[in-house]
Amino acid sequence: MENQKPSLMLVDGMALLFRAFYATAVTGQFMINSKGIPTNGIHGFVKHLFTAVSSFKPTHLAVCWDMGSKTFRTELFPDYKGNRGEAPVELIPQFDLVKDVVSSFDIPNIGLAGYEADDCIGTIAQQMKEFAHVSILTGDQDILQLLDESISVILLKKGYGNYLVHTPQTFFEEKGISPRQMIDLKALMGDTSDNYPGVRGIGEKTALKLLQEFEHIEGILTNLDSLSKSNKTKIEKDLDMLHLSRTLAEIKCDVPVCCELEEAGLLIQKEKAVNKLMEIELRGLQRLLPLEEAIIS
């Protein structure tokens, strides 16, 4: 039966950690524990994670991480994400500690040097979509290119427990293109947050119009002569950057990572999880853990 498939939630760990950190860092609430370690990002991360679990009730869960800032994309284009400053000093010790916390919940941490979390998420989503309903929890719109009939995207909105859930249908209603066309959309218009330009002078409106008319970049290039003179000139001038931007925009779905369903079952051992939270002095979070015994205790 289709609806008896397990449901696997893949979490963009960095998206949750950064969001949680900055939400409290603005007021200087770093929650420094008695060992001198800030824990505000971890606190918010755990809260985001289990609020989503209680809202969407996945049967399985894995968290994917960026493993450093050097990836195949920075090799191709050294300025990729070059507009982002160093991580704040209060966040740095939380990177490893948050993974320890996830491990204490017996939830897999997945990441591979040279790739971004998105590439790991894309790869696992493609591997698992035949066996499970896959949902992706993130704050990052780039991941919408992965949407298909078995993959939905849960975008975090402001605060806790506020989500925008996307399917291929809702994406089409919003943009008028298919999820896969999002790669070419970003190739044309660039991405200021990832710091690559696309075709200079072409914004989202023009890019969407071109893709609705010609379907993909090949279609646009074949029909250059039917474009307005100004759009034709812009594209011809930035042809190399158009192709490079497309490579940067596309999430790789063939990264050598995997996630076995049996390793990702949401089976949190109470003692192990609570001990970890006590150790880093985030005891108040234990009430959020999806534990069978929590009903009795």
Foldseek 3Di string as FASTA:
>chain_A
DVVVFAEEEEEAQVQQLVLQCVVCVVVPQQVQDPVRAGCRSLLRSLQQVLLVCVVPVGQFYAYEFEDDDAAVLCVLPVCFLVVDDDPDPNCVVVPVLSCVLCVLQLAYYDYDHRAGSLLVLLQACVVCLVRHQYEYEGQDPLSLLSAAPRYKYWHDDPDHNDTDIDHQVVVCVVQVAGSVQVLLLCLQQPDVSRPAGRQPPDHNVNSSVLCNVQVGPVSCVVPLVVDPPVVSVSCVVCVVSSVSSSVVSDRHNPDPDYDDRVSGGSAGDLVSSQVSCVVSVNNVSSLSRPHPCSVVD
